[in-house]
N, C-alpha and C. Protein backbone atom coordinates (compact mmCIF):
# COMPACT_ATOMS: atom_id res chain seq x y z
N UNK A 1 38.48 59.70 108.10
CA UNK A 1 39.92 59.82 108.34
C UNK A 1 40.93 60.53 107.33
N UNK A 2 41.84 60.16 107.64
CA UNK A 2 42.42 61.82 106.39
C UNK A 2 43.72 60.18 105.18
N UNK A 3 44.19 61.06 104.84
CA UNK A 3 45.10 59.57 103.96
C UNK A 3 46.10 59.14 104.49
N UNK A 4 46.51 59.96 105.05
CA UNK A 4 48.49 59.31 105.57
C UNK A 4 48.12 58.41 106.25
N UNK A 5 46.95 59.48 107.05
CA UNK A 5 46.31 58.48 108.34
C UNK A 5 46.57 56.62 107.74
N UNK A 6 45.32 56.92 107.19
CA UNK A 6 44.68 55.77 106.38
C UNK A 6 46.34 54.53 105.49
N UNK A 7 46.85 55.34 105.78
CA UNK A 7 48.21 54.83 105.26
C UNK A 7 48.94 54.34 105.82
N UNK A 8 49.69 55.22 106.91
CA UNK A 8 50.12 54.54 108.16
C UNK A 8 49.47 53.30 108.97
N UNK A 9 48.41 53.20 108.91
CA UNK A 9 47.20 52.02 109.32
C UNK A 9 47.37 50.95 108.82
N UNK A 10 47.55 51.17 107.29
CA UNK A 10 48.17 50.24 106.58
C UNK A 10 48.98 49.07 106.40
N UNK A 11 50.11 50.10 106.81
CA UNK A 11 51.46 49.72 106.60
C UNK A 11 52.00 49.55 107.68
N UNK A 12 51.53 49.71 108.83
CA UNK A 12 51.65 50.08 110.09
C UNK A 12 51.74 49.40 111.06
N UNK A 13 50.37 48.90 110.77
CA UNK A 13 48.77 49.02 112.76
C UNK A 13 48.86 49.76 113.04
N UNK A 14 48.22 49.59 114.24
CA UNK A 14 47.96 50.79 115.36
C UNK A 14 49.08 51.12 115.66
N UNK A 15 49.15 52.53 117.12
CA UNK A 15 49.70 52.58 117.84
C UNK A 15 50.13 51.10 118.58
N UNK A 16 51.69 51.49 119.02
CA UNK A 16 51.71 50.51 120.51
C UNK A 16 51.08 51.53 121.52
N UNK A 17 50.76 50.36 122.78
CA UNK A 17 50.51 51.24 123.82
C UNK A 17 51.21 51.70 124.15
N UNK A 18 52.67 51.75 124.36
CA UNK A 18 53.29 52.85 124.65
C UNK A 18 55.16 52.30 123.92
N UNK A 19 55.44 53.51 123.67
CA UNK A 19 55.92 54.12 123.15
C UNK A 19 57.76 52.97 123.97
N UNK A 20 58.36 52.75 122.38
CA UNK A 20 59.63 51.94 123.45
C UNK A 20 61.24 51.81 121.68
N UNK A 21 61.57 52.90 122.59
CA UNK A 21 62.73 52.77 121.58
C UNK A 21 62.96 52.20 120.64
N UNK A 22 63.49 51.89 119.52
CA UNK A 22 64.01 51.08 118.52
C UNK A 22 62.63 49.97 118.22
N UNK A 23 61.43 50.21 118.26
CA UNK A 23 60.58 49.51 117.53
C UNK A 23 60.07 50.70 116.96
N UNK A 24 60.12 50.04 115.35
CA UNK A 24 59.68 50.92 113.37
C UNK A 24 58.67 51.24 114.11
N UNK A 25 57.17 50.59 115.12
CA UNK A 25 55.67 50.87 114.41
C UNK A 25 55.97 52.19 116.02
N UNK A 26 57.06 52.32 116.42
CA UNK A 26 56.76 53.56 117.01
C UNK A 26 57.08 54.67 116.73
N UNK A 27 58.17 54.40 116.05
CA UNK A 27 59.35 54.78 115.15
C UNK A 27 59.01 56.10 114.18
N UNK A 28 57.38 55.15 113.42
CA UNK A 28 57.40 55.53 112.27
C UNK A 28 56.00 56.15 112.80
N UNK A 29 54.77 56.11 114.22
CA UNK A 29 53.81 56.45 114.20
C UNK A 29 54.23 58.18 114.59
N UNK A 30 55.57 58.33 115.46
CA UNK A 30 56.19 59.25 116.33
C UNK A 30 56.71 60.46 114.72
N UNK A 31 57.12 59.80 113.72
CA UNK A 31 57.72 59.98 112.24
C UNK A 31 55.67 61.78 111.49
N UNK A 32 55.04 60.53 112.58
CA UNK A 32 53.93 60.45 112.13
C UNK A 32 53.33 61.87 112.57
N UNK A 33 53.46 62.00 113.99
CA UNK A 33 53.07 62.98 115.04
C UNK A 33 53.89 64.32 115.07
N UNK A 34 55.16 64.12 114.19
CA UNK A 34 56.09 65.37 113.92
C UNK A 34 55.77 66.03 112.94
N UNK A 35 54.99 64.98 111.66
CA UNK A 35 53.94 65.82 110.74
C UNK A 35 53.79 66.42 111.12
N UNK A 36 52.71 65.88 111.71
CA UNK A 36 51.80 66.46 112.23
C UNK A 36 51.95 68.25 112.57
N UNK A 37 52.76 67.86 113.63
CA UNK A 37 52.85 69.43 114.50
C UNK A 37 53.67 70.19 113.71
N UNK A 38 54.83 69.56 112.44
CA UNK A 38 55.17 70.87 111.27
C UNK A 38 54.16 71.42 110.33
N UNK A 39 53.26 70.81 110.86
CA UNK A 39 52.47 71.43 109.22
C UNK A 39 51.52 72.11 110.32
N UNK A 40 51.15 72.08 111.80
CA UNK A 40 50.73 72.79 112.70
C UNK A 40 51.10 73.77 112.38
N UNK A 41 52.21 74.21 113.06
CA UNK A 41 53.35 75.55 112.89
C UNK A 41 53.20 76.15 111.28
N UNK A 42 53.29 75.04 110.13
CA UNK A 42 53.40 76.00 109.60
C UNK A 42 52.54 76.96 108.71
N UNK A 43 51.17 76.10 109.83
CA UNK A 43 49.76 76.72 109.54
C UNK A 43 49.96 77.75 109.87
N UNK A 44 50.06 77.68 110.94
CA UNK A 44 49.82 79.23 112.59
C UNK A 44 50.74 79.98 110.81
N UNK A 45 51.82 79.97 110.69
CA UNK A 45 52.95 81.43 110.07
C UNK A 45 51.96 81.27 109.32
N UNK A 46 52.04 80.84 108.34
CA UNK A 46 50.90 81.69 107.91
C UNK A 46 49.77 82.52 107.61
N UNK A 47 49.33 81.63 108.73
CA UNK A 47 48.44 82.42 109.19
C UNK A 47 48.05 84.08 109.72
N UNK A 48 49.67 84.35 109.98
CA UNK A 48 49.94 85.24 110.34
C UNK A 48 51.22 86.08 109.88
N UNK A 49 51.60 85.43 108.78
CA UNK A 49 51.62 86.54 107.49
C UNK A 49 50.72 87.05 106.42
N UNK A 50 49.06 86.26 106.64
CA UNK A 50 48.12 86.99 106.07
C UNK A 50 47.92 88.31 106.66
N UNK A 51 48.08 87.92 108.71
CA UNK A 51 47.88 89.64 108.78
C UNK A 51 49.52 90.62 108.84
N UNK A 52 50.35 90.22 108.12
CA UNK A 52 51.07 91.28 107.85
C UNK A 52 50.87 91.57 106.45
N UNK A 53 49.84 90.70 105.92
CA UNK A 53 49.53 91.44 104.48
C UNK A 53 48.57 92.20 104.70
N UNK A 54 47.28 91.83 105.66
CA UNK A 54 46.92 92.75 105.67
C UNK A 54 47.36 94.67 106.32
N UNK A 55 48.26 94.93 106.56
CA UNK A 55 48.56 96.07 107.00
C UNK A 55 48.78 96.22 107.81
N UNK A 56 49.20 95.21 108.58
CA UNK A 56 49.41 94.30 110.04
C UNK A 56 50.95 95.19 110.24
N UNK A 57 51.75 95.83 110.91
CA UNK A 57 53.59 96.24 110.79
C UNK A 57 53.86 93.92 110.70
N UNK A 58 55.27 93.77 111.11
CA UNK A 58 55.44 93.18 111.37
C UNK A 58 55.94 93.54 112.92
N UNK A 59 56.43 94.28 113.66
CA UNK A 59 56.80 94.63 114.64
C UNK A 59 55.79 94.71 115.52
N UNK A 60 54.32 94.85 114.87
CA UNK A 60 54.19 94.27 116.37
C UNK A 60 52.87 93.26 116.15
N UNK A 61 53.26 91.94 114.95
CA UNK A 61 53.06 90.56 114.67
C UNK A 61 54.23 90.66 116.15
N UNK A 62 55.06 90.07 115.67
CA UNK A 62 56.88 89.66 116.11
C UNK A 62 56.21 89.94 118.02
N UNK A 63 55.67 91.34 118.41
CA UNK A 63 55.84 91.58 120.00
C UNK A 63 54.43 90.85 120.67
N UNK A 64 54.30 89.75 119.86
CA UNK A 64 52.57 89.10 120.64
C UNK A 64 52.90 88.00 121.02
N UNK A 65 52.90 87.97 122.54
CA UNK A 65 52.95 86.95 123.36
C UNK A 65 53.39 85.15 122.45
N UNK A 66 51.42 85.51 122.02
CA UNK A 66 51.39 83.79 121.20
C UNK A 66 52.18 83.56 120.49
N UNK A 67 52.77 84.14 119.28
CA UNK A 67 54.58 83.97 118.71
C UNK A 67 55.99 83.23 118.76
N UNK A 68 55.63 83.54 120.47
CA UNK A 68 56.84 83.36 121.06
C UNK A 68 56.62 82.11 120.88
N UNK A 69 55.85 80.75 120.61
CA UNK A 69 56.22 79.41 120.72
C UNK A 69 56.76 78.78 119.53
N UNK A 70 55.97 79.67 118.25
CA UNK A 70 56.49 79.61 116.46
C UNK A 70 58.01 79.96 116.80
N UNK A 71 58.03 81.67 117.01
CA UNK A 71 59.65 82.31 117.24
C UNK A 71 60.57 81.16 117.40
N UNK A 72 60.12 80.58 118.08
CA UNK A 72 61.19 79.54 119.49
C UNK A 72 61.42 78.33 118.16
N UNK A 73 59.91 77.87 117.40
CA UNK A 73 60.05 76.82 116.91
C UNK A 73 60.47 77.06 115.77
N UNK A 74 60.95 78.19 114.80
CA UNK A 74 61.48 78.22 113.83
C UNK A 74 62.83 78.04 114.08
N UNK A 75 63.40 79.27 115.27
CA UNK A 75 64.54 79.34 114.95
C UNK A 75 65.41 77.76 115.57
N UNK A 76 64.32 77.22 116.13
CA UNK A 76 65.28 75.67 115.97
C UNK A 76 65.73 75.04 115.41
N UNK A 77 64.33 74.88 113.90
CA UNK A 77 64.50 74.32 112.24
C UNK A 77 65.12 74.77 111.93
N UNK A 78 66.13 76.35 112.12
CA UNK A 78 66.98 77.36 111.22
C UNK A 78 68.47 76.43 112.25
N UNK A 79 69.04 77.61 113.31
CA UNK A 79 69.47 76.64 113.64
C UNK A 79 70.48 75.39 114.45
N UNK A 80 69.76 74.51 114.56
CA UNK A 80 69.53 73.23 114.80
C UNK A 80 69.76 72.59 113.28
N UNK A 81 68.78 72.60 112.93
CA UNK A 81 69.01 72.44 111.83
C UNK A 81 67.56 70.43 112.07
N UNK A 82 67.79 70.52 113.05
CA UNK A 82 65.89 69.74 113.22
C UNK A 82 64.55 70.12 112.81
N UNK A 83 63.98 69.26 112.11
CA UNK A 83 62.14 68.84 112.39
C UNK A 83 61.77 68.88 113.53
N UNK A 84 60.64 69.62 114.35
CA UNK A 84 60.07 69.38 115.30
C UNK A 84 59.59 67.58 115.97
N UNK A 85 60.60 67.91 116.70
CA UNK A 85 59.83 66.82 117.48
C UNK A 85 59.18 66.96 118.94
N UNK A 86 58.14 65.96 118.77
CA UNK A 86 56.99 66.26 119.26
C UNK A 86 57.36 66.16 120.80
N UNK A 87 58.27 65.09 121.20
CA UNK A 87 59.04 64.42 122.44
C UNK A 87 59.80 65.63 122.76
N UNK A 88 59.31 66.43 122.46
CA UNK A 88 60.89 67.68 123.10
C UNK A 88 60.17 68.89 123.08
């Protein structure tokens, strides 16, 4: 088990069965989920940038349909100044 998840369990306990707005435990686990999603997006971006460093033209990279979700997520972070929310 990763150290962050272990700390979450020790401090907040298990997740609630159903999400309840305003519940501190639910909010903490939602933040944890958002952190994981942000990390996943960052890793995907890093792997795509590694392709660019291996002589792949950035125009070719941006034309790939799989990158649409990543570009949208980055745009959302920049334009709305929000972190990724797994519920949206």
